[in-house]
Amino acid sequence: MLGRRRTQLPANAYATRRLLLWLAAVYVLGCGFRSALPMIDVPRFCLHDTWASYIVVGRSVATVAELAFAVQWALLLREAGARRAAGAVVPLIVVLYIIGSAA
Protein backbone atom coordinates (compact mmCIF):
# COMPACT_ATOMS: atom_id res chain seq x y z
CA MET A 1 0.00 0.00 0.00
CA LEU A 2 2.89 2.35 0.73
CA GLY A 3 4.41 1.60 -2.67
CA ARG A 4 1.31 2.94 -4.42
CA ARG A 5 1.72 6.31 -2.69
CA ARG A 6 5.38 6.70 -3.59
CA THR A 7 4.65 9.21 -6.34
CA GLN A 8 2.25 11.20 -4.14
CA LEU A 9 4.68 11.69 -1.24
CA PRO A 10 7.85 13.78 -1.10
CA ALA A 11 10.99 11.63 -1.13
CA ASN A 12 11.85 12.29 2.54
CA ALA A 13 8.29 11.52 3.73
CA TYR A 14 8.30 8.27 1.75
CA ALA A 15 11.68 7.30 3.22
CA THR A 16 10.44 8.06 6.74
CA ARG A 17 7.31 5.99 6.28
CA ARG A 18 9.30 3.11 4.83
CA LEU A 19 11.65 3.21 7.82
CA LEU A 20 8.65 3.33 10.17
CA LEU A 21 7.29 0.23 8.47
CA TRP A 22 10.55 -1.67 8.93
CA LEU A 23 10.83 -0.58 12.57
CA ALA A 24 7.25 -1.72 13.16
CA ALA A 25 8.18 -5.10 11.67
CA VAL A 26 11.14 -5.40 14.06
CA TYR A 27 8.90 -4.51 17.01
CA VAL A 28 6.18 -6.98 16.00
CA LEU A 29 8.69 -9.78 15.43
CA GLY A 30 10.26 -9.11 18.84
CA CYS A 31 6.87 -9.20 20.52
CA GLY A 32 5.97 -12.34 18.59
CA PHE A 33 9.18 -14.04 19.70
CA ARG A 34 8.50 -13.16 23.33
CA SER A 35 4.92 -14.40 23.09
CA ALA A 36 5.93 -17.68 21.42
CA LEU A 37 8.55 -18.33 24.10
CA PRO A 38 7.11 -16.79 27.26
CA MET A 39 9.25 -16.85 30.36
CA ILE A 40 9.73 -15.28 33.75
CA ASP A 41 13.36 -14.18 33.67
CA VAL A 42 14.68 -14.25 37.24
CA PRO A 43 13.47 -17.68 38.40
CA ARG A 44 13.79 -18.86 34.75
CA PHE A 45 10.36 -20.39 34.39
CA CYS A 46 9.75 -21.00 30.71
CA LEU A 47 7.23 -22.77 28.54
CA HIS A 48 9.84 -24.31 26.21
CA ASP A 49 13.33 -25.13 27.46
CA THR A 50 15.43 -24.34 24.38
CA TRP A 51 18.51 -22.22 23.65
CA ALA A 52 16.15 -19.41 22.63
CA SER A 53 14.68 -19.43 26.15
CA TYR A 54 17.90 -18.20 27.74
CA ILE A 55 17.52 -14.93 29.57
CA VAL A 56 20.14 -13.15 27.47
CA VAL A 57 18.38 -14.11 24.23
CA GLY A 58 14.94 -13.05 25.43
CA ARG A 59 16.14 -9.78 26.92
CA SER A 60 18.21 -8.97 23.83
CA VAL A 61 15.22 -9.51 21.55
CA ALA A 62 13.05 -7.41 23.85
CA THR A 63 15.66 -4.62 23.98
CA VAL A 64 15.98 -4.46 20.20
CA ALA A 65 12.18 -4.37 19.86
CA GLU A 66 11.86 -1.62 22.46
CA LEU A 67 14.57 0.47 20.80
CA ALA A 68 12.83 0.07 17.44
CA PHE A 69 9.69 1.41 19.09
CA ALA A 70 11.63 4.35 20.55
CA VAL A 71 13.10 5.18 17.14
CA GLN A 72 9.57 5.16 15.74
CA TRP A 73 8.61 7.74 18.37
CA ALA A 74 11.60 9.88 17.43
CA LEU A 75 10.77 9.74 13.72
CA LEU A 76 7.16 10.69 14.32
CA LEU A 77 8.14 13.53 16.66
CA ARG A 78 10.60 14.83 14.06
CA GLU A 79 7.95 14.68 11.38
CA ALA A 80 5.53 16.55 13.67
CA GLY A 81 8.07 19.34 14.09
CA ALA A 82 9.34 18.56 17.59
CA ARG A 83 12.99 18.20 16.55
CA ARG A 84 14.54 18.68 20.00
CA ALA A 85 12.24 16.09 21.55
CA ALA A 86 12.92 13.75 18.63
CA GLY A 87 16.65 14.06 19.19
CA ALA A 88 16.29 13.37 22.91
CA VAL A 89 13.93 10.38 22.93
CA VAL A 90 16.28 7.56 21.92
CA PRO A 91 19.33 8.69 23.94
CA LEU A 92 17.13 9.24 27.00
CA ILE A 93 15.62 5.76 26.72
CA VAL A 94 19.05 4.19 26.22
CA VAL A 95 20.42 5.97 29.30
CA LEU A 96 17.40 4.96 31.38
CA TYR A 97 17.75 1.38 30.15
CA ILE A 98 21.43 1.30 31.15
CA ILE A 99 20.65 2.77 34.56
CA GLY A 100 17.79 0.32 35.06
CA SER A 101 19.85 -2.72 34.06
CA ALA A 102 22.69 -1.69 36.38
CA ALA A 103 20.39 -1.48 39.40
PDB file of N, CA and C in Angstrom:
ATOM      1  N   MET A   1       0.814  -1.179   0.000  1.00  0.00           N
ATOM      2  CA  MET A   1       0.000   0.000   0.000  1.00  0.00           C
ATOM      3  C   MET A   1       0.873   1.265   0.000  1.00  0.00           C
ATOM      4  N   LEU A   2       1.993   1.199   0.715  1.00  0.00           N
ATOM      5  CA  LEU A   2       2.887   2.352   0.732  1.00  0.00           C
ATOM      6  C   LEU A   2       3.512   2.570  -0.637  1.00  0.00           C
ATOM      7  N   GLY A   3       3.805   1.497  -1.345  1.00  0.00           N
ATOM      8  CA  GLY A   3       4.405   1.604  -2.669  1.00  0.00           C
ATOM      9  C   GLY A   3       3.534   2.349  -3.662  1.00  0.00           C
ATOM     10  N   ARG A   4       2.224   2.233  -3.506  1.00  0.00           N
ATOM     11  CA  ARG A   4       1.314   2.939  -4.417  1.00  0.00           C
ATOM     12  C   ARG A   4       1.331   4.443  -4.188  1.00  0.00           C
ATOM     13  N   ARG A   5       1.709   4.868  -3.005  1.00  0.00           N
ATOM     14  CA  ARG A   5       1.719   6.307  -2.690  1.00  0.00           C
ATOM     15  C   ARG A   5       3.085   6.941  -2.905  1.00  0.00           C
ATOM     16  N   ARG A   6       4.024   6.189  -3.418  1.00  0.00           N
ATOM     17  CA  ARG A   6       5.379   6.703  -3.585  1.00  0.00           C
ATOM     18  C   ARG A   6       5.415   7.970  -4.423  1.00  0.00           C
ATOM     19  N   THR A   7       4.636   8.021  -5.477  1.00  0.00           N
ATOM     20  CA  THR A   7       4.653   9.209  -6.342  1.00  0.00           C
ATOM     21  C   THR A   7       3.917  10.389  -5.724  1.00  0.00           C
ATOM     22  N   GLN A   8       3.029  10.134  -4.768  1.00  0.00           N
ATOM     23  CA  GLN A   8       2.252  11.199  -4.143  1.00  0.00           C
ATOM     24  C   GLN A   8       2.985  11.866  -2.982  1.00  0.00           C
ATOM     25  N   LEU A   9       3.968  11.177  -2.410  1.00  0.00           N
ATOM     26  CA  LEU A   9       4.681  11.689  -1.242  1.00  0.00           C
ATOM     27  C   LEU A   9       6.024  12.281  -1.639  1.00  0.00           C
ATOM     28  N   PRO A  10       6.475  13.299  -0.899  1.00  0.00           N
ATOM     29  CA  PRO A  10       7.849  13.776  -1.103  1.00  0.00           C
ATOM     30  C   PRO A  10       8.830  12.651  -0.755  1.00  0.00           C
ATOM     31  N   ALA A  11      10.006  12.701  -1.309  1.00  0.00           N
ATOM     32  CA  ALA A  11      10.988  11.627  -1.127  1.00  0.00           C
ATOM     33  C   ALA A  11      11.325  11.393   0.340  1.00  0.00           C
ATOM     34  N   ASN A  12      11.492  12.477   1.125  1.00  0.00           N
ATOM     35  CA  ASN A  12      11.846  12.293   2.542  1.00  0.00           C
ATOM     36  C   ASN A  12      10.679  11.714   3.343  1.00  0.00           C
ATOM     37  N   ALA A  13       9.456  12.079   3.025  1.00  0.00           N
ATOM     38  CA  ALA A  13       8.292  11.521   3.725  1.00  0.00           C
ATOM     39  C   ALA A  13       8.132  10.041   3.387  1.00  0.00           C
ATOM     40  N   TYR A  14       8.376   9.687   2.134  1.00  0.00           N
ATOM     41  CA  TYR A  14       8.295   8.274   1.747  1.00  0.00           C
ATOM     42  C   TYR A  14       9.367   7.460   2.468  1.00  0.00           C
ATOM     43  N   ALA A  15      10.584   8.001   2.540  1.00  0.00           N
ATOM     44  CA  ALA A  15      11.678   7.303   3.221  1.00  0.00           C
ATOM     45  C   ALA A  15      11.378   7.130   4.707  1.00  0.00           C
ATOM     46  N   THR A  16      10.804   8.157   5.332  1.00  0.00           N
ATOM     47  CA  THR A  16      10.442   8.057   6.744  1.00  0.00           C
ATOM     48  C   THR A  16       9.375   7.000   6.958  1.00  0.00           C
ATOM     49  N   ARG A  17       8.376   6.974   6.123  1.00  0.00           N
ATOM     50  CA  ARG A  17       7.306   5.985   6.278  1.00  0.00           C
ATOM     51  C   ARG A  17       7.809   4.570   6.023  1.00  0.00           C
ATOM     52  N   ARG A  18       8.716   4.430   5.093  1.00  0.00           N
ATOM     53  CA  ARG A  18       9.296   3.111   4.832  1.00  0.00           C
ATOM     54  C   ARG A  18      10.117   2.639   6.039  1.00  0.00           C
ATOM     55  N   LEU A  19      10.880   3.554   6.620  1.00  0.00           N
ATOM     56  CA  LEU A  19      11.649   3.213   7.818  1.00  0.00           C
ATOM     57  C   LEU A  19      10.715   2.877   8.980  1.00  0.00           C
ATOM     58  N   LEU A  20       9.638   3.636   9.126  1.00  0.00           N
ATOM     59  CA  LEU A  20       8.653   3.334  10.168  1.00  0.00           C
ATOM     60  C   LEU A  20       8.066   1.935   9.986  1.00  0.00           C
ATOM     61  N   LEU A  21       7.829   1.562   8.757  1.00  0.00           N
ATOM     62  CA  LEU A  21       7.289   0.231   8.472  1.00  0.00           C
ATOM     63  C   LEU A  21       8.275  -0.857   8.873  1.00  0.00           C
ATOM     64  N   TRP A  22       9.540  -0.682   8.553  1.00  0.00           N
ATOM     65  CA  TRP A  22      10.546  -1.666   8.930  1.00  0.00           C
ATOM     66  C   TRP A  22      10.722  -1.734  10.450  1.00  0.00           C
ATOM     67  N   LEU A  23      10.714  -0.590  11.108  1.00  0.00           N
ATOM     68  CA  LEU A  23      10.829  -0.581  12.571  1.00  0.00           C
ATOM     69  C   LEU A  23       9.620  -1.245  13.220  1.00  0.00           C
ATOM     70  N   ALA A  24       8.445  -1.048  12.654  1.00  0.00           N
ATOM     71  CA  ALA A  24       7.251  -1.723  13.163  1.00  0.00           C
ATOM     72  C   ALA A  24       7.383  -3.228  12.998  1.00  0.00           C
ATOM     73  N   ALA A  25       7.969  -3.664  11.887  1.00  0.00           N
ATOM     74  CA  ALA A  25       8.177  -5.098  11.672  1.00  0.00           C
ATOM     75  C   ALA A  25       9.130  -5.676  12.714  1.00  0.00           C
ATOM     76  N   VAL A  26      10.199  -4.945  13.029  1.00  0.00           N
ATOM     77  CA  VAL A  26      11.142  -5.400  14.064  1.00  0.00           C
ATOM     78  C   VAL A  26      10.427  -5.512  15.404  1.00  0.00           C
ATOM     79  N   TYR A  27       9.627  -4.509  15.744  1.00  0.00           N
ATOM     80  CA  TYR A  27       8.898  -4.513  17.014  1.00  0.00           C
ATOM     81  C   TYR A  27       7.910  -5.684  17.073  1.00  0.00           C
ATOM     82  N   VAL A  28       7.163  -5.903  16.016  1.00  0.00           N
ATOM     83  CA  VAL A  28       6.177  -6.981  15.999  1.00  0.00           C
ATOM     84  C   VAL A  28       6.865  -8.342  16.078  1.00  0.00           C
ATOM     85  N   LEU A  29       7.971  -8.512  15.360  1.00  0.00           N
ATOM     86  CA  LEU A  29       8.694  -9.781  15.432  1.00  0.00           C
ATOM     87  C   LEU A  29       9.268 -10.018  16.829  1.00  0.00           C
ATOM     88  N   GLY A  30       9.768  -8.971  17.464  1.00  0.00           N
ATOM     89  CA  GLY A  30      10.262  -9.105  18.841  1.00  0.00           C
ATOM     90  C   GLY A  30       9.158  -9.496  19.802  1.00  0.00           C
ATOM     91  N   CYS A  31       8.009  -8.863  19.663  1.00  0.00           N
ATOM     92  CA  CYS A  31       6.872  -9.202  20.523  1.00  0.00           C
ATOM     93  C   CYS A  31       6.371 -10.616  20.227  1.00  0.00           C
ATOM     94  N   GLY A  32       6.381 -10.990  18.958  1.00  0.00           N
ATOM     95  CA  GLY A  32       5.967 -12.341  18.587  1.00  0.00           C
ATOM     96  C   GLY A  32       6.899 -13.394  19.155  1.00  0.00           C
ATOM     97  N   PHE A  33       8.199 -13.115  19.123  1.00  0.00           N
ATOM     98  CA  PHE A  33       9.177 -14.039  19.704  1.00  0.00           C
ATOM     99  C   PHE A  33       8.926 -14.219  21.189  1.00  0.00           C
ATOM    100  N   ARG A  34       8.722 -13.094  21.876  1.00  0.00           N
ATOM    101  CA  ARG A  34       8.502 -13.159  23.327  1.00  0.00           C
ATOM    102  C   ARG A  34       7.172 -13.827  23.678  1.00  0.00           C
ATOM    103  N   SER A  35       6.187 -13.740  22.792  1.00  0.00           N
ATOM    104  CA  SER A  35       4.915 -14.397  23.088  1.00  0.00           C
ATOM    105  C   SER A  35       4.956 -15.880  22.730  1.00  0.00           C
ATOM    106  N   ALA A  36       5.797 -16.262  21.772  1.00  0.00           N
ATOM    107  CA  ALA A  36       5.927 -17.677  21.420  1.00  0.00           C
ATOM    108  C   ALA A  36       6.767 -18.426  22.443  1.00  0.00           C
ATOM    109  N   LEU A  37       7.701 -17.721  23.070  1.00  0.00           N
ATOM    110  CA  LEU A  37       8.553 -18.328  24.096  1.00  0.00           C
ATOM    111  C   LEU A  37       8.443 -17.543  25.400  1.00  0.00           C
ATOM    112  N   PRO A  38       7.277 -17.581  26.033  1.00  0.00           N
ATOM    113  CA  PRO A  38       7.112 -16.790  27.258  1.00  0.00           C
ATOM    114  C   PRO A  38       7.972 -17.342  28.395  1.00  0.00           C
ATOM    115  N   MET A  39       8.475 -16.430  29.197  1.00  0.00           N
ATOM    116  CA  MET A  39       9.250 -16.854  30.360  1.00  0.00           C
ATOM    117  C   MET A  39       9.269 -15.754  31.413  1.00  0.00           C
ATOM    118  N   ILE A  40       9.496 -16.193  32.634  1.00  0.00           N
ATOM    119  CA  ILE A  40       9.733 -15.277  33.749  1.00  0.00           C
ATOM    120  C   ILE A  40      11.234 -15.316  33.970  1.00  0.00           C
ATOM    121  N   ASP A  41      11.904 -14.186  33.772  1.00  0.00           N
ATOM    122  CA  ASP A  41      13.358 -14.178  33.670  1.00  0.00           C
ATOM    123  C   ASP A  41      14.103 -14.619  34.930  1.00  0.00           C
ATOM    124  N   VAL A  42      13.835 -14.015  36.069  1.00  0.00           N
ATOM    125  CA  VAL A  42      14.679 -14.247  37.237  1.00  0.00           C
ATOM    126  C   VAL A  42      14.619 -15.694  37.728  1.00  0.00           C
ATOM    127  N   PRO A  43      13.444 -16.270  37.990  1.00  0.00           N
ATOM    128  CA  PRO A  43      13.466 -17.683  38.399  1.00  0.00           C
ATOM    129  C   PRO A  43      13.631 -18.648  37.220  1.00  0.00           C
ATOM    130  N   ARG A  44      13.641 -18.110  35.998  1.00  0.00           N
ATOM    131  CA  ARG A  44      13.788 -18.859  34.751  1.00  0.00           C
ATOM    132  C   ARG A  44      12.728 -19.942  34.599  1.00  0.00           C
ATOM    133  N   PHE A  45      11.485 -19.526  34.739  1.00  0.00           N
ATOM    134  CA  PHE A  45      10.363 -20.386  34.392  1.00  0.00           C
ATOM    135  C   PHE A  45      10.049 -20.133  32.928  1.00  0.00           C
ATOM    136  N   CYS A  46      10.029 -21.194  32.121  1.00  0.00           N
ATOM    137  CA  CYS A  46       9.747 -20.999  30.711  1.00  0.00           C
ATOM    138  C   CYS A  46       8.857 -22.119  30.200  1.00  0.00           C
ATOM    139  N   LEU A  47       8.139 -21.808  29.140  1.00  0.00           N
ATOM    140  CA  LEU A  47       7.228 -22.768  28.540  1.00  0.00           C
ATOM    141  C   LEU A  47       7.992 -23.820  27.747  1.00  0.00           C
ATOM    142  N   HIS A  48       9.022 -23.398  27.009  1.00  0.00           N
ATOM    143  CA  HIS A  48       9.844 -24.313  26.206  1.00  0.00           C
ATOM    144  C   HIS A  48      11.290 -24.138  26.631  1.00  0.00           C
ATOM    145  N   ASP A  49      11.942 -25.209  27.012  1.00  0.00           N
ATOM    146  CA  ASP A  49      13.334 -25.128  27.460  1.00  0.00           C
ATOM    147  C   ASP A  49      14.263 -25.353  26.271  1.00  0.00           C
ATOM    148  N   THR A  50      14.541 -24.277  25.536  1.00  0.00           N
ATOM    149  CA  THR A  50      15.427 -24.335  24.383  1.00  0.00           C
ATOM    150  C   THR A  50      16.504 -23.269  24.545  1.00  0.00           C
ATOM    151  N   TRP A  51      17.460 -23.239  23.610  1.00  0.00           N
ATOM    152  CA  TRP A  51      18.508 -22.216  23.655  1.00  0.00           C
ATOM    153  C   TRP A  51      17.917 -20.819  23.505  1.00  0.00           C
ATOM    154  N   ALA A  52      16.781 -20.713  22.823  1.00  0.00           N
ATOM    155  CA  ALA A  52      16.145 -19.407  22.630  1.00  0.00           C
ATOM    156  C   ALA A  52      15.437 -18.932  23.896  1.00  0.00           C
ATOM    157  N   SER A  53      15.327 -19.806  24.899  1.00  0.00           N
ATOM    158  CA  SER A  53      14.682 -19.426  26.151  1.00  0.00           C
ATOM    159  C   SER A  53      15.670 -18.889  27.178  1.00  0.00           C
ATOM    160  N   TYR A  54      16.941 -18.773  26.803  1.00  0.00           N
ATOM    161  CA  TYR A  54      17.903 -18.199  27.735  1.00  0.00           C
ATOM    162  C   TYR A  54      17.563 -16.737  27.988  1.00  0.00           C
ATOM    163  N   ILE A  55      17.855 -16.295  29.175  1.00  0.00           N
ATOM    164  CA  ILE A  55      17.519 -14.927  29.571  1.00  0.00           C
ATOM    165  C   ILE A  55      18.169 -13.909  28.640  1.00  0.00           C
ATOM    166  N   VAL A  56      19.433 -14.121  28.306  1.00  0.00           N
ATOM    167  CA  VAL A  56      20.144 -13.149  27.467  1.00  0.00           C
ATOM    168  C   VAL A  56      19.510 -13.054  26.073  1.00  0.00           C
ATOM    169  N   VAL A  57      19.021 -14.143  25.547  1.00  0.00           N
ATOM    170  CA  VAL A  57      18.380 -14.109  24.227  1.00  0.00           C
ATOM    171  C   VAL A  57      17.060 -13.348  24.306  1.00  0.00           C
ATOM    172  N   GLY A  58      16.235 -13.701  25.277  1.00  0.00           N
ATOM    173  CA  GLY A  58      14.936 -13.047  25.426  1.00  0.00           C
ATOM    174  C   GLY A  58      15.049 -11.561  25.702  1.00  0.00           C
ATOM    175  N   ARG A  59      15.966 -11.197  26.600  1.00  0.00           N
ATOM    176  CA  ARG A  59      16.137  -9.781  26.923  1.00  0.00           C
ATOM    177  C   ARG A  59      16.734  -9.016  25.750  1.00  0.00           C
ATOM    178  N   SER A  60      17.628  -9.641  24.989  1.00  0.00           N
ATOM    179  CA  SER A  60      18.210  -8.971  23.827  1.00  0.00           C
ATOM    180  C   SER A  60      17.153  -8.705  22.769  1.00  0.00           C
ATOM    181  N   VAL A  61      16.309  -9.687  22.521  1.00  0.00           N
ATOM    182  CA  VAL A  61      15.224  -9.509  21.548  1.00  0.00           C
ATOM    183  C   VAL A  61      14.279  -8.406  22.024  1.00  0.00           C
ATOM    184  N   ALA A  62      13.944  -8.426  23.310  1.00  0.00           N
ATOM    185  CA  ALA A  62      13.047  -7.405  23.850  1.00  0.00           C
ATOM    186  C   ALA A  62      13.678  -6.016  23.769  1.00  0.00           C
ATOM    187  N   THR A  63      14.967  -5.915  24.039  1.00  0.00           N
ATOM    188  CA  THR A  63      15.656  -4.621  23.979  1.00  0.00           C
ATOM    189  C   THR A  63      15.668  -4.067  22.562  1.00  0.00           C
ATOM    190  N   VAL A  64      15.973  -4.913  21.588  1.00  0.00           N
ATOM    191  CA  VAL A  64      15.980  -4.458  20.196  1.00  0.00           C
ATOM    192  C   VAL A  64      14.578  -3.999  19.786  1.00  0.00           C
ATOM    193  N   ALA A  65      13.553  -4.754  20.190  1.00  0.00           N
ATOM    194  CA  ALA A  65      12.177  -4.372  19.855  1.00  0.00           C
ATOM    195  C   ALA A  65      11.801  -3.041  20.510  1.00  0.00           C
ATOM    196  N   GLU A  66      12.184  -2.860  21.763  1.00  0.00           N
ATOM    197  CA  GLU A  66      11.862  -1.620  22.465  1.00  0.00           C
ATOM    198  C   GLU A  66      12.601  -0.431  21.855  1.00  0.00           C
ATOM    199  N   LEU A  67      13.836  -0.622  21.449  1.00  0.00           N
ATOM    200  CA  LEU A  67      14.574   0.466  20.803  1.00  0.00           C
ATOM    201  C   LEU A  67      13.986   0.805  19.433  1.00  0.00           C
ATOM    202  N   ALA A  68      13.501  -0.207  18.716  1.00  0.00           N
ATOM    203  CA  ALA A  68      12.832   0.066  17.440  1.00  0.00           C
ATOM    204  C   ALA A  68      11.588   0.911  17.672  1.00  0.00           C
ATOM    205  N   PHE A  69      10.867   0.624  18.749  1.00  0.00           N
ATOM    206  CA  PHE A  69       9.686   1.410  19.088  1.00  0.00           C
ATOM    207  C   PHE A  69      10.073   2.843  19.447  1.00  0.00           C
ATOM    208  N   ALA A  70      11.170   3.011  20.177  1.00  0.00           N
ATOM    209  CA  ALA A  70      11.628   4.352  20.549  1.00  0.00           C
ATOM    210  C   ALA A  70      12.065   5.147  19.316  1.00  0.00           C
ATOM    211  N   VAL A  71      12.699   4.494  18.371  1.00  0.00           N
ATOM    212  CA  VAL A  71      13.100   5.180  17.141  1.00  0.00           C
ATOM    213  C   VAL A  71      11.865   5.592  16.345  1.00  0.00           C
ATOM    214  N   GLN A  72      10.822   4.767  16.388  1.00  0.00           N
ATOM    215  CA  GLN A  72       9.567   5.161  15.738  1.00  0.00           C
ATOM    216  C   GLN A  72       9.030   6.447  16.368  1.00  0.00           C
ATOM    217  N   TRP A  73       9.047   6.518  17.682  1.00  0.00           N
ATOM    218  CA  TRP A  73       8.615   7.745  18.368  1.00  0.00           C
ATOM    219  C   TRP A  73       9.410   8.935  17.860  1.00  0.00           C
ATOM    220  N   ALA A  74      10.726   8.772  17.827  1.00  0.00           N
ATOM    221  CA  ALA A  74      11.599   9.877  17.425  1.00  0.00           C
ATOM    222  C   ALA A  74      11.296  10.320  15.993  1.00  0.00           C
ATOM    223  N   LEU A  75      11.085   9.373  15.102  1.00  0.00           N
ATOM    224  CA  LEU A  75      10.774   9.740  13.718  1.00  0.00           C
ATOM    225  C   LEU A  75       9.450  10.484  13.619  1.00  0.00           C
ATOM    226  N   LEU A  76       8.457  10.022  14.354  1.00  0.00           N
ATOM    227  CA  LEU A  76       7.156  10.691  14.320  1.00  0.00           C
ATOM    228  C   LEU A  76       7.215  12.071  14.968  1.00  0.00           C
ATOM    229  N   LEU A  77       7.981  12.217  16.041  1.00  0.00           N
ATOM    230  CA  LEU A  77       8.144  13.530  16.663  1.00  0.00           C
ATOM    231  C   LEU A  77       8.860  14.488  15.713  1.00  0.00           C
ATOM    232  N   ARG A  78       9.888  13.990  15.025  1.00  0.00           N
ATOM    233  CA  ARG A  78      10.605  14.830  14.060  1.00  0.00           C
ATOM    234  C   ARG A  78       9.679  15.270  12.937  1.00  0.00           C
ATOM    235  N   GLU A  79       8.861  14.343  12.461  1.00  0.00           N
ATOM    236  CA  GLU A  79       7.945  14.681  11.378  1.00  0.00           C
ATOM    237  C   GLU A  79       6.873  15.674  11.843  1.00  0.00           C
ATOM    238  N   ALA A  80       6.523  15.623  13.129  1.00  0.00           N
ATOM    239  CA  ALA A  80       5.529  16.547  13.671  1.00  0.00           C
ATOM    240  C   ALA A  80       6.124  17.923  13.972  1.00  0.00           C
ATOM    241  N   GLY A  81       7.447  18.046  13.879  1.00  0.00           N
ATOM    242  CA  GLY A  81       8.073  19.344  14.095  1.00  0.00           C
ATOM    243  C   GLY A  81       8.757  19.493  15.432  1.00  0.00           C
ATOM    244  N   ALA A  82       8.707  18.491  16.267  1.00  0.00           N
ATOM    245  CA  ALA A  82       9.341  18.557  17.587  1.00  0.00           C
ATOM    246  C   ALA A  82      10.753  17.981  17.483  1.00  0.00           C
ATOM    247  N   ARG A  83      11.649  18.718  16.845  1.00  0.00           N
ATOM    248  CA  ARG A  83      12.991  18.199  16.547  1.00  0.00           C
ATOM    249  C   ARG A  83      13.838  17.988  17.794  1.00  0.00           C
ATOM    250  N   ARG A  84      13.757  18.857  18.770  1.00  0.00           N
ATOM    251  CA  ARG A  84      14.536  18.677  20.003  1.00  0.00           C
ATOM    252  C   ARG A  84      14.075  17.445  20.761  1.00  0.00           C
ATOM    253  N   ALA A  85      12.773  17.278  20.879  1.00  0.00           N
ATOM    254  CA  ALA A  85      12.243  16.094  21.551  1.00  0.00           C
ATOM    255  C   ALA A  85      12.620  14.834  20.779  1.00  0.00           C
ATOM    256  N   ALA A  86      12.569  14.907  19.462  1.00  0.00           N
ATOM    257  CA  ALA A  86      12.921  13.747  18.631  1.00  0.00           C
ATOM    258  C   ALA A  86      14.376  13.350  18.835  1.00  0.00           C
ATOM    259  N   GLY A  87      15.234  14.343  18.974  1.00  0.00           N
ATOM    260  CA  GLY A  87      16.652  14.057  19.190  1.00  0.00           C
ATOM    261  C   GLY A  87      16.961  13.551  20.582  1.00  0.00           C
ATOM    262  N   ALA A  88      16.050  13.777  21.527  1.00  0.00           N
ATOM    263  CA  ALA A  88      16.291  13.372  22.912  1.00  0.00           C
ATOM    264  C   ALA A  88      15.670  12.036  23.272  1.00  0.00           C
ATOM    265  N   VAL A  89      14.678  11.581  22.535  1.00  0.00           N
ATOM    266  CA  VAL A  89      13.927  10.378  22.928  1.00  0.00           C
ATOM    267  C   VAL A  89      14.813   9.144  23.012  1.00  0.00           C
ATOM    268  N   VAL A  90      15.497   8.811  21.943  1.00  0.00           N
ATOM    269  CA  VAL A  90      16.278   7.563  21.920  1.00  0.00           C
ATOM    270  C   VAL A  90      17.446   7.608  22.906  1.00  0.00           C
ATOM    271  N   PRO A  91      18.262   8.678  22.940  1.00  0.00           N
ATOM    272  CA  PRO A  91      19.332   8.695  23.941  1.00  0.00           C
ATOM    273  C   PRO A  91      18.809   8.623  25.378  1.00  0.00           C
ATOM    274  N   LEU A  92      17.699   9.286  25.654  1.00  0.00           N
ATOM    275  CA  LEU A  92      17.128   9.240  26.998  1.00  0.00           C
ATOM    276  C   LEU A  92      16.693   7.816  27.359  1.00  0.00           C
ATOM    277  N   ILE A  93      16.061   7.130  26.450  1.00  0.00           N
ATOM    278  CA  ILE A  93      15.616   5.765  26.720  1.00  0.00           C
ATOM    279  C   ILE A  93      16.812   4.831  26.878  1.00  0.00           C
ATOM    280  N   VAL A  94      17.850   5.021  26.082  1.00  0.00           N
ATOM    281  CA  VAL A  94      19.053   4.187  26.218  1.00  0.00           C
ATOM    282  C   VAL A  94      19.700   4.413  27.584  1.00  0.00           C
ATOM    283  N   VAL A  95      19.825   5.670  27.998  1.00  0.00           N
ATOM    284  CA  VAL A  95      20.421   5.973  29.303  1.00  0.00           C
ATOM    285  C   VAL A  95      19.572   5.371  30.429  1.00  0.00           C
ATOM    286  N   LEU A  96      18.263   5.533  30.343  1.00  0.00           N
ATOM    287  CA  LEU A  96      17.397   4.961  31.376  1.00  0.00           C
ATOM    288  C   LEU A  96      17.467   3.436  31.382  1.00  0.00           C
ATOM    289  N   TYR A  97      17.620   2.830  30.228  1.00  0.00           N
ATOM    290  CA  TYR A  97      17.755   1.379  30.150  1.00  0.00           C
ATOM    291  C   TYR A  97      19.048   0.928  30.816  1.00  0.00           C
ATOM    292  N   ILE A  98      20.138   1.654  30.552  1.00  0.00           N
ATOM    293  CA  ILE A  98      21.432   1.297  31.149  1.00  0.00           C
ATOM    294  C   ILE A  98      21.389   1.466  32.667  1.00  0.00           C
ATOM    295  N   ILE A  99      20.772   2.548  33.127  1.00  0.00           N
ATOM    296  CA  ILE A  99      20.646   2.768  34.565  1.00  0.00           C
ATOM    297  C   ILE A  99      19.790   1.682  35.193  1.00  0.00           C
ATOM    298  N   GLY A 100      18.685   1.342  34.522  1.00  0.00           N
ATOM    299  CA  GLY A 100      17.788   0.319  35.056  1.00  0.00           C
ATOM    300  C   GLY A 100      18.412  -1.066  35.080  1.00  0.00           C
ATOM    301  N   SER A 101      19.228  -1.391  34.085  1.00  0.00           N
ATOM    302  CA  SER A 101      19.846  -2.723  34.058  1.00  0.00           C
ATOM    303  C   SER A 101      21.000  -2.826  35.036  1.00  0.00           C
ATOM    304  N   ALA A 102      21.600  -1.681  35.419  1.00  0.00           N
ATOM    305  CA  ALA A 102      22.688  -1.692  36.384  1.00  0.00           C
ATOM    306  C   ALA A 102      22.173  -1.826  37.818  1.00  0.00           C
ATOM    307  N   ALA A 103      20.932  -1.448  38.024  1.00  0.00           N
ATOM    308  CA  ALA A 103      20.390  -1.481  39.399  1.00  0.00           C
ATOM    309  C   ALA A 103      20.001  -2.873  39.838  1.00  0.00           C
TER     310      ALA A 103
END
